[in-house]
Amino acid sequence: MRHKGIDARIAKLSGKYVSTDFVWCGAGEPHEGESWARDQLSNEAVILPNVFSLRSVVIVNPRYEVRRYEKLPEGEVPMGIRRSLSDFYGAGPKKDAITVLEVFEPGDKTSRVALEILDDDTLWDLWDAPWLFEWRRDGAKPLATSLQERCRSGGGTGRRPLHAVEKAGVLWGSNGADGPKRVLADKGKFGKTLADGQACFAFFEQDGRYSNLRVLRCAADNTVLFSESLSREGWEAANAIDRTAWLGGNRLFVEAHVNPSLAFGVEIDLGKRTRKLFAGTAFAWDRAGKRLAFIAEPPHFGTPRDVPAKLMLGDETLSDLPARSHPELLWNDDGRLLTVIVPAADGRRGELVVVTFPDSGPRRVERFELSAAKERR
C-alpha cells in the first residue's frame, strides 16, 4: 500500500522491525562484550510516515530519503555518514553500492539516522561502531544463516583492516599493510603517544573543515584496534596539535594550538566516550594523571597589560600570575608539590610559586621572589 506523501520504496519499508542478530566488525576487541550486544536483541524500531523510532531516537513527522552510495575505493578513508556503513568495516559480501534509508528531523539538512537496506524486510545499522545489528520486519520468516556467517564467509569481507603509520612527519593510512597509502593527517595536524606500549594517534579529520578529532590506537603491526571520531564543538578554533599524552585508565590528553596565548587541552575517556575541555597554556599533568595544572591567559588581543593570568588546577584558580610571562610548571614525583617558575622580564623580577597538596587539610600556596643574578667583576 502506498502512503500519501511518501514514495513507493519508503512505503515498502514502512512497519515495525525487531533487532534479531549482531556481529562485531572491528579488528580489535570491543569495548562492550557480547553479552551487552545480546541484550540489545528484541529491541523494536518503527518506520511510519508520521513517526520514526529506533532505540532512544524518536522523530515526529520525519523526512525520509533513500540514497545510493557507490562502492568505497580501496585505500580511501571516508567521512560523514559514509564512515558509518558496513563496508567500511568489511562486513558482508562485496557490493557495487549500498542503499541507505536516511531519516531527518523536520527542517534538518543532515540525517539523524542511517539504516542500510538489504531488502524490504531487512535493515542493518552500526551502533557503538563497529557493532553491526540486523533488523528484521516483525513477523518475517527467520533467515537460514546467522549474520556472523553472512558477514565473514562466502562473499568475503570486501575490505582489509585499516593500518596507520607515521613516516616523515606525516600520518599515513592503508587497508592492509600492503594496500595503497593515503594521507590521514599532514604535519602539525596529528599527535602520537604510546598507550600501554601501543601507538595512539589523534588527528584532525581532513573533511575540509577539520571538524572532528579522530583517535586511533594501533597494534605493533600498525593494525588499527580502536577508531573513534569526536566532535570538536567548543574548540573549533584550534589549528594544530601540539602534544598528546596517555594518562592511563583509557584516558588520552590532547593539546591543540590556537594562538600564543591560547591552546585547548582536551581530556578524553575513550571507554566512556566523554571529554573535558580546558582553555589555557602550559598544561602539566602530575605523573599519576590525576591533577592538571595550567595557565589561563587573558585574551590575546585588546586586553590591558595589567590584567593577570591565572594559575589553574582543573577548574579552580590557585593564584594570579603576570600575563604572558611564559612560566614553567613542574610536578614532583608523588604529585603533592607543584612548582611554577616565572622568569624575569621587562624590568620585573622572577618569581617562584609553590603549591603544596598535603594528605589532609587545605593546600598551601607560597610565593618567593627570585633574586637577579649579579655579574662577576
Protein backbone atom coordinates (compact mmCIF):
# COMPACT_ATOMS: atom_id res chain seq x y z
CA MET A 1 0.00 0.00 0.00
CA ARG A 2 1.36 3.43 -0.93
CA HIS A 3 1.25 6.02 1.82
CA LYS A 4 0.32 9.57 0.91
CA GLY A 5 3.33 11.89 0.81
CA ILE A 6 5.92 9.09 0.85
CA ASP A 7 7.47 7.39 -2.19
CA ALA A 8 6.92 3.76 -3.09
CA ARG A 9 10.29 2.42 -1.89
CA ILE A 10 9.93 4.02 1.51
CA ALA A 11 6.31 2.86 1.70
CA LYS A 12 7.51 -0.72 1.26
CA LEU A 13 9.79 -0.28 4.28
CA SER A 14 7.01 1.04 6.47
CA GLY A 15 6.26 -1.04 9.55
CA LYS A 16 7.74 -2.48 12.75
CA TYR A 17 11.17 -4.12 12.91
CA VAL A 18 12.90 -6.20 15.57
CA SER A 19 16.62 -6.46 16.27
CA THR A 20 17.41 -10.14 15.63
CA ASP A 21 21.18 -10.57 15.21
CA PHE A 22 24.53 -8.84 15.62
CA VAL A 23 28.22 -9.18 14.76
CA TRP A 24 31.39 -7.37 15.84
CA CYS A 25 33.22 -5.95 12.80
CA GLY A 26 36.28 -4.40 14.45
CA ALA A 27 39.88 -5.60 14.21
CA GLY A 28 40.38 -5.47 17.99
CA GLU A 29 38.29 -6.38 20.99
CA PRO A 30 35.01 -4.49 21.54
CA HIS A 31 34.63 -2.06 24.43
CA GLU A 32 31.36 -3.76 25.30
CA GLY A 33 31.25 -7.57 25.47
CA GLU A 34 28.98 -9.92 23.56
CA SER A 35 26.57 -10.09 26.50
CA TRP A 36 25.97 -6.34 26.09
CA ALA A 37 25.22 -6.77 22.39
CA ARG A 38 22.93 -9.73 23.09
CA ASP A 39 20.94 -7.55 25.49
CA GLN A 40 20.08 -5.29 22.55
CA LEU A 41 18.24 -8.07 20.72
CA SER A 42 14.44 -7.85 20.54
CA ASN A 43 14.61 -4.04 20.55
CA GLU A 44 11.94 -2.63 18.27
CA ALA A 45 12.08 0.04 15.57
CA VAL A 46 9.17 1.78 13.84
CA ILE A 47 9.17 3.33 10.37
CA LEU A 48 5.91 5.15 9.66
CA PRO A 49 5.05 8.29 7.68
CA ASN A 50 4.34 10.33 10.81
CA VAL A 51 6.82 8.85 13.29
CA PHE A 52 10.18 7.09 13.39
CA SER A 53 11.73 5.39 16.40
CA LEU A 54 14.98 3.49 16.87
CA ARG A 55 16.37 2.83 20.35
CA SER A 56 16.27 6.22 22.11
CA VAL A 57 15.67 8.24 18.92
CA VAL A 58 12.07 9.31 18.27
CA ILE A 59 11.30 11.69 15.40
CA VAL A 60 7.79 13.05 14.84
CA ASN A 61 6.94 13.93 11.22
CA PRO A 62 10.28 12.65 9.89
CA ARG A 63 11.57 13.17 6.39
CA TYR A 64 12.89 10.02 4.68
CA GLU A 65 15.31 9.73 1.81
CA VAL A 66 16.66 6.62 0.08
CA ARG A 67 20.20 7.16 -1.17
CA ARG A 68 22.69 5.00 -3.02
CA TYR A 69 26.38 5.07 -2.04
CA GLU A 70 28.82 3.68 -4.59
CA LYS A 71 31.49 1.13 -3.71
CA LEU A 72 34.21 2.56 -1.50
CA PRO A 73 37.55 2.73 -3.38
CA GLU A 74 40.38 0.71 -1.85
CA GLY A 75 42.54 2.89 0.40
CA GLU A 76 40.02 5.72 0.72
CA VAL A 77 39.09 6.84 4.24
CA PRO A 78 35.51 8.18 4.08
CA MET A 79 33.95 10.96 6.11
CA GLY A 80 30.50 11.63 7.48
CA ILE A 81 27.73 9.10 7.00
CA ARG A 82 29.84 7.05 4.57
CA ARG A 83 32.02 6.02 7.52
CA SER A 84 29.02 4.50 9.32
CA LEU A 85 28.21 1.95 6.60
CA SER A 86 29.12 -1.71 6.83
CA ASP A 87 31.67 -1.92 4.01
CA PHE A 88 33.99 0.50 5.83
CA TYR A 89 34.42 -2.29 8.39
CA GLY A 90 34.50 -5.10 5.83
CA ALA A 91 31.10 -6.56 6.74
CA GLY A 92 29.02 -8.52 4.28
CA PRO A 93 29.62 -9.59 0.68
CA LYS A 94 31.25 -7.29 -1.83
CA LYS A 95 28.74 -4.82 -3.21
CA ASP A 96 28.87 -2.28 -6.03
CA ALA A 97 26.75 0.07 -3.95
CA ILE A 98 24.92 0.33 -0.63
CA THR A 99 21.33 1.58 -0.45
CA VAL A 100 20.55 3.58 2.68
CA LEU A 101 17.40 4.90 4.32
CA GLU A 102 18.27 8.26 5.87
CA VAL A 103 15.94 9.79 8.44
CA PHE A 104 15.81 13.54 9.07
CA GLU A 105 14.33 15.73 11.77
CA PRO A 106 11.82 18.23 10.32
CA GLY A 107 13.76 21.06 8.66
CA ASP A 108 17.20 19.47 9.13
CA LYS A 109 19.65 19.02 6.25
CA THR A 110 21.74 16.36 8.00
CA SER A 111 20.24 12.95 8.66
CA ARG A 112 19.82 11.80 12.26
CA VAL A 113 19.78 8.07 11.47
CA ALA A 114 21.03 5.94 8.58
CA LEU A 115 19.88 2.34 8.01
CA GLU A 116 21.26 0.09 5.28
CA ILE A 117 18.55 -1.55 3.20
CA LEU A 118 19.25 -5.22 2.46
CA ASP A 119 15.71 -5.92 1.23
CA ASP A 120 12.16 -4.88 2.11
CA ASP A 121 12.29 -6.97 5.30
CA THR A 122 15.91 -6.49 6.43
CA LEU A 123 17.86 -3.47 7.63
CA TRP A 124 21.37 -3.05 9.08
CA ASP A 125 22.81 -0.37 11.32
CA LEU A 126 26.15 0.17 13.04
CA TRP A 127 25.74 1.11 16.67
CA ASP A 128 28.53 1.80 19.09
CA ALA A 129 30.60 1.15 15.95
CA PRO A 130 31.58 -1.26 14.82
CA TRP A 131 28.80 -3.44 16.29
CA LEU A 132 26.58 -4.31 13.32
CA PHE A 133 22.94 -5.06 14.15
CA GLU A 134 20.38 -6.65 11.86
CA TRP A 135 16.71 -5.60 11.97
CA ARG A 136 14.01 -7.84 10.53
CA ARG A 137 10.42 -6.92 9.82
CA ASP A 138 8.20 -8.11 12.66
CA GLY A 139 6.71 -11.46 11.63
CA ALA A 140 9.15 -12.09 8.75
CA LYS A 141 10.47 -15.63 8.31
CA PRO A 142 13.82 -16.19 10.12
CA LEU A 143 16.90 -16.25 7.88
CA ALA A 144 18.66 -19.58 7.34
CA THR A 145 22.15 -18.38 8.26
CA SER A 146 23.45 -16.11 11.03
CA LEU A 147 24.69 -12.59 10.43
CA GLN A 148 28.14 -13.77 11.50
CA GLU A 149 28.24 -16.36 8.72
CA ARG A 150 26.92 -13.97 6.09
CA CYS A 151 29.41 -11.25 7.04
CA ARG A 152 32.53 -13.40 7.33
CA SER A 153 32.13 -16.13 4.70
CA GLY A 154 31.01 -16.60 1.12
CA GLY A 155 31.38 -13.17 -0.47
CA GLY A 156 34.38 -12.22 1.64
CA THR A 157 34.82 -9.20 3.84
CA GLY A 158 35.35 -6.76 0.98
CA ARG A 159 37.84 -4.73 2.96
CA ARG A 160 41.04 -5.31 4.90
CA PRO A 161 41.76 -3.82 8.32
CA LEU A 162 42.92 -0.22 8.42
CA HIS A 163 46.63 0.32 9.10
CA ALA A 164 48.13 3.60 10.32
CA VAL A 165 51.81 4.53 10.43
CA GLU A 166 53.87 7.72 10.80
CA LYS A 167 56.53 8.38 8.16
CA ALA A 168 58.47 11.60 7.60
CA GLY A 169 56.17 13.50 9.94
CA VAL A 170 53.01 12.51 8.06
CA LEU A 171 50.35 10.04 9.24
CA TRP A 172 49.56 7.50 6.52
CA GLY A 173 46.67 5.04 6.32
CA SER A 174 46.05 1.96 4.20
CA ASN A 175 43.70 -1.01 4.07
CA GLY A 176 46.06 -3.85 4.82
CA ALA A 177 49.78 -3.46 5.34
CA ASP A 178 50.47 -3.51 1.58
CA GLY A 179 47.40 -1.55 0.43
CA PRO A 180 47.57 1.83 -1.33
CA LYS A 181 48.68 4.56 1.05
CA ARG A 182 46.83 7.81 1.60
CA VAL A 183 47.45 10.76 3.92
CA LEU A 184 45.36 10.69 7.07
CA ALA A 185 46.96 13.81 8.57
CA ASP A 186 49.64 16.27 7.48
CA LYS A 187 52.43 17.64 9.63
CA GLY A 188 51.14 19.55 12.64
CA LYS A 189 47.66 18.08 12.32
CA PHE A 190 48.23 15.00 14.46
CA GLY A 191 49.92 13.85 17.63
CA LYS A 192 51.33 10.49 18.69
CA THR A 193 51.84 8.90 22.08
CA LEU A 194 52.23 5.40 23.50
CA ALA A 195 49.18 3.84 25.17
CA ASP A 196 50.39 0.92 27.26
CA GLY A 197 53.01 0.18 24.61
CA GLN A 198 50.66 0.69 21.64
CA ALA A 199 50.86 3.67 19.28
CA CYS A 200 47.96 6.08 19.74
CA PHE A 201 47.30 8.84 17.20
CA ALA A 202 45.00 11.85 17.43
CA PHE A 203 44.40 13.95 14.34
CA PHE A 204 42.06 16.45 12.74
CA GLU A 205 39.95 14.66 10.14
CA GLN A 206 40.52 16.16 6.71
CA ASP A 207 36.93 16.72 5.65
CA GLY A 208 37.51 20.30 4.51
CA ARG A 209 36.71 21.79 7.93
CA TYR A 210 38.79 19.70 10.35
CA SER A 211 35.53 19.48 12.30
CA ASN A 212 36.27 16.25 14.19
CA LEU A 213 39.13 14.71 16.10
CA ARG A 214 39.90 11.11 15.14
CA VAL A 215 41.65 8.85 17.65
CA LEU A 216 43.36 5.63 16.53
CA ARG A 217 45.03 3.00 18.68
CA CYS A 218 47.27 0.54 16.85
CA ALA A 219 48.82 -2.88 17.42
CA ALA A 220 52.54 -3.48 16.95
CA ASP A 221 51.96 -4.32 13.25
CA ASN A 222 50.16 -0.94 12.78
CA THR A 223 46.69 -2.54 12.53
CA VAL A 224 44.08 -0.15 13.93
CA LEU A 225 42.48 -1.72 17.01
CA PHE A 226 40.37 1.26 18.02
CA SER A 227 38.98 4.15 15.99
CA GLU A 228 36.72 6.89 17.31
CA SER A 229 35.63 10.24 15.89
CA LEU A 230 34.96 13.00 18.43
CA SER A 231 33.27 16.34 17.86
CA ARG A 232 35.41 19.48 18.23
CA GLU A 233 32.45 21.57 19.30
CA GLY A 234 33.74 24.35 21.56
CA TRP A 235 37.34 24.21 20.35
CA GLU A 236 37.00 24.54 16.58
CA ALA A 237 39.48 27.45 16.63
CA ALA A 238 42.40 25.08 17.23
CA ASN A 239 44.56 24.79 14.12
CA ALA A 240 47.35 22.40 15.13
CA ILE A 241 48.02 19.62 17.62
CA ASP A 242 50.98 20.43 19.84
CA ARG A 243 51.08 17.36 22.05
CA THR A 244 49.31 14.15 23.02
CA ALA A 245 49.81 12.19 26.25
CA TRP A 246 48.45 8.91 27.57
CA LEU A 247 47.09 9.37 31.10
CA GLY A 248 46.27 5.73 31.83
CA GLY A 249 42.87 4.27 32.59
CA ASN A 250 41.86 4.57 28.92
CA ARG A 251 42.35 8.36 29.04
CA LEU A 252 44.09 10.48 26.42
CA PHE A 253 45.11 14.13 26.61
CA VAL A 254 45.38 16.32 23.51
CA GLU A 255 46.82 19.84 23.49
CA ALA A 256 45.77 21.88 20.45
CA HIS A 257 47.20 25.29 19.48
CA VAL A 258 45.09 28.40 18.77
CA ASN A 259 47.42 31.40 19.27
CA PRO A 260 50.40 32.30 21.52
CA SER A 261 48.07 32.94 24.47
CA LEU A 262 45.58 30.15 23.96
CA ALA A 263 45.52 26.42 23.49
CA PHE A 264 42.87 23.84 24.26
CA GLY A 265 43.59 20.88 26.48
CA VAL A 266 41.16 18.02 25.93
CA GLU A 267 40.96 15.09 28.34
CA ILE A 268 39.27 12.18 26.56
CA ASP A 269 37.99 8.99 28.14
CA LEU A 270 37.99 6.56 25.23
CA GLY A 271 35.99 3.92 27.06
CA LYS A 272 33.18 6.20 28.23
CA ARG A 273 33.44 8.46 25.14
CA THR A 274 33.45 11.57 27.32
CA ARG A 275 35.70 14.62 27.33
CA LYS A 276 36.70 17.59 29.44
CA LEU A 277 37.82 20.81 27.80
CA PHE A 278 40.29 23.32 29.27
CA ALA A 279 41.39 26.64 27.71
CA GLY A 280 44.89 27.85 28.56
CA THR A 281 48.61 27.22 28.03
CA ALA A 282 51.50 25.31 29.64
CA PHE A 283 49.40 22.26 30.51
CA ALA A 284 51.09 19.98 33.05
CA TRP A 285 49.74 16.70 34.47
CA ASP A 286 51.16 15.07 37.55
CA ARG A 287 52.72 11.65 36.94
CA ALA A 288 49.63 9.77 38.06
CA GLY A 289 47.45 11.66 35.57
CA LYS A 290 45.12 12.85 38.33
CA ARG A 291 45.86 16.58 38.55
CA LEU A 292 46.10 19.05 35.70
CA ALA A 293 47.73 22.45 36.21
CA PHE A 294 47.84 25.10 33.51
CA ILE A 295 47.87 28.85 32.86
CA ALA A 296 44.72 30.68 31.78
CA GLU A 297 45.94 33.78 29.95
CA PRO A 298 43.78 36.86 29.32
CA PRO A 299 42.60 37.26 25.71
CA HIS A 300 45.49 37.73 23.31
CA PHE A 301 44.11 40.89 21.70
CA GLY A 302 42.60 44.01 23.25
CA THR A 303 43.41 43.24 26.91
CA PRO A 304 45.14 45.81 29.17
CA ARG A 305 48.67 44.79 30.20
CA ASP A 306 47.82 44.79 33.92
CA VAL A 307 45.20 42.03 33.60
CA PRO A 308 46.79 38.95 35.22
CA ALA A 309 46.90 35.37 34.09
CA LYS A 310 45.55 32.62 36.35
CA LEU A 311 47.32 29.54 37.65
CA MET A 312 44.64 26.85 37.39
CA LEU A 313 44.16 23.38 38.84
CA GLY A 314 41.42 21.91 36.68
CA ASP A 315 38.50 24.31 37.12
CA GLU A 316 39.94 26.01 40.24
CA THR A 317 42.10 29.15 40.40
CA LEU A 318 45.21 28.75 42.57
CA SER A 319 46.91 32.13 42.08
CA ASP A 320 47.33 35.17 39.85
CA LEU A 321 50.46 35.37 37.68
CA PRO A 322 51.88 38.04 35.36
CA ALA A 323 50.23 37.76 31.95
CA ARG A 324 52.26 36.28 29.09
CA SER A 325 55.18 35.52 31.38
CA HIS A 326 55.71 32.01 29.91
CA PRO A 327 56.08 30.21 33.25
CA GLU A 328 57.32 26.65 33.64
CA LEU A 329 55.15 24.20 35.61
CA LEU A 330 56.80 21.26 37.37
CA TRP A 331 55.29 18.45 39.47
CA ASN A 332 57.28 16.38 41.93
CA ASP A 333 57.18 12.57 41.66
CA ASP A 334 54.27 11.94 44.03
CA GLY A 335 52.09 14.82 42.77
CA ARG A 336 52.00 16.63 46.10
CA LEU A 337 54.12 19.61 45.10
CA LEU A 338 53.65 21.92 42.12
CA THR A 339 56.41 24.43 41.37
CA VAL A 340 55.83 27.34 38.97
CA ILE A 341 58.88 29.26 37.75
CA VAL A 342 58.04 32.72 36.41
CA PRO A 343 61.07 34.17 34.58
CA ALA A 344 62.14 37.79 34.93
CA ALA A 345 61.10 40.07 32.06
CA ASP A 346 60.52 43.77 31.25
CA GLY A 347 62.15 45.01 34.47
CA ARG A 348 60.12 42.58 36.57
CA ARG A 349 61.91 40.14 38.85
CA GLY A 350 61.36 36.44 38.51
CA GLU A 351 59.08 34.63 40.87
CA LEU A 352 58.64 31.16 42.33
CA VAL A 353 55.15 29.89 43.18
CA VAL A 354 55.00 26.67 45.21
CA VAL A 355 51.72 24.82 45.76
CA THR A 356 51.67 22.05 48.36
CA PHE A 357 48.96 19.37 48.49
CA PRO A 358 49.05 17.76 51.96
CA ASP A 359 47.42 14.41 52.79
CA SER A 360 44.81 16.29 54.79
CA GLY A 361 43.81 19.91 55.17
CA PRO A 362 43.80 22.74 52.64
CA ARG A 363 46.53 23.15 50.04
CA ARG A 364 49.13 25.85 50.62
CA VAL A 365 50.28 28.43 48.06
CA GLU A 366 53.59 30.21 48.71
CA ARG A 367 55.32 32.88 46.62
CA PHE A 368 59.03 33.72 46.54
CA GLU A 369 60.83 36.42 44.66
CA LEU A 370 63.82 35.26 42.64
CA SER A 371 66.94 37.39 43.08
CA ALA A 372 68.51 38.68 39.91
CA ALA A 373 71.90 37.16 39.17
CA LYS A 374 74.82 39.58 39.51
CA GLU A 375 77.73 39.58 37.09
CA ARG A 376 81.22 38.89 38.47
CA ARG A 377 83.70 41.74 38.43
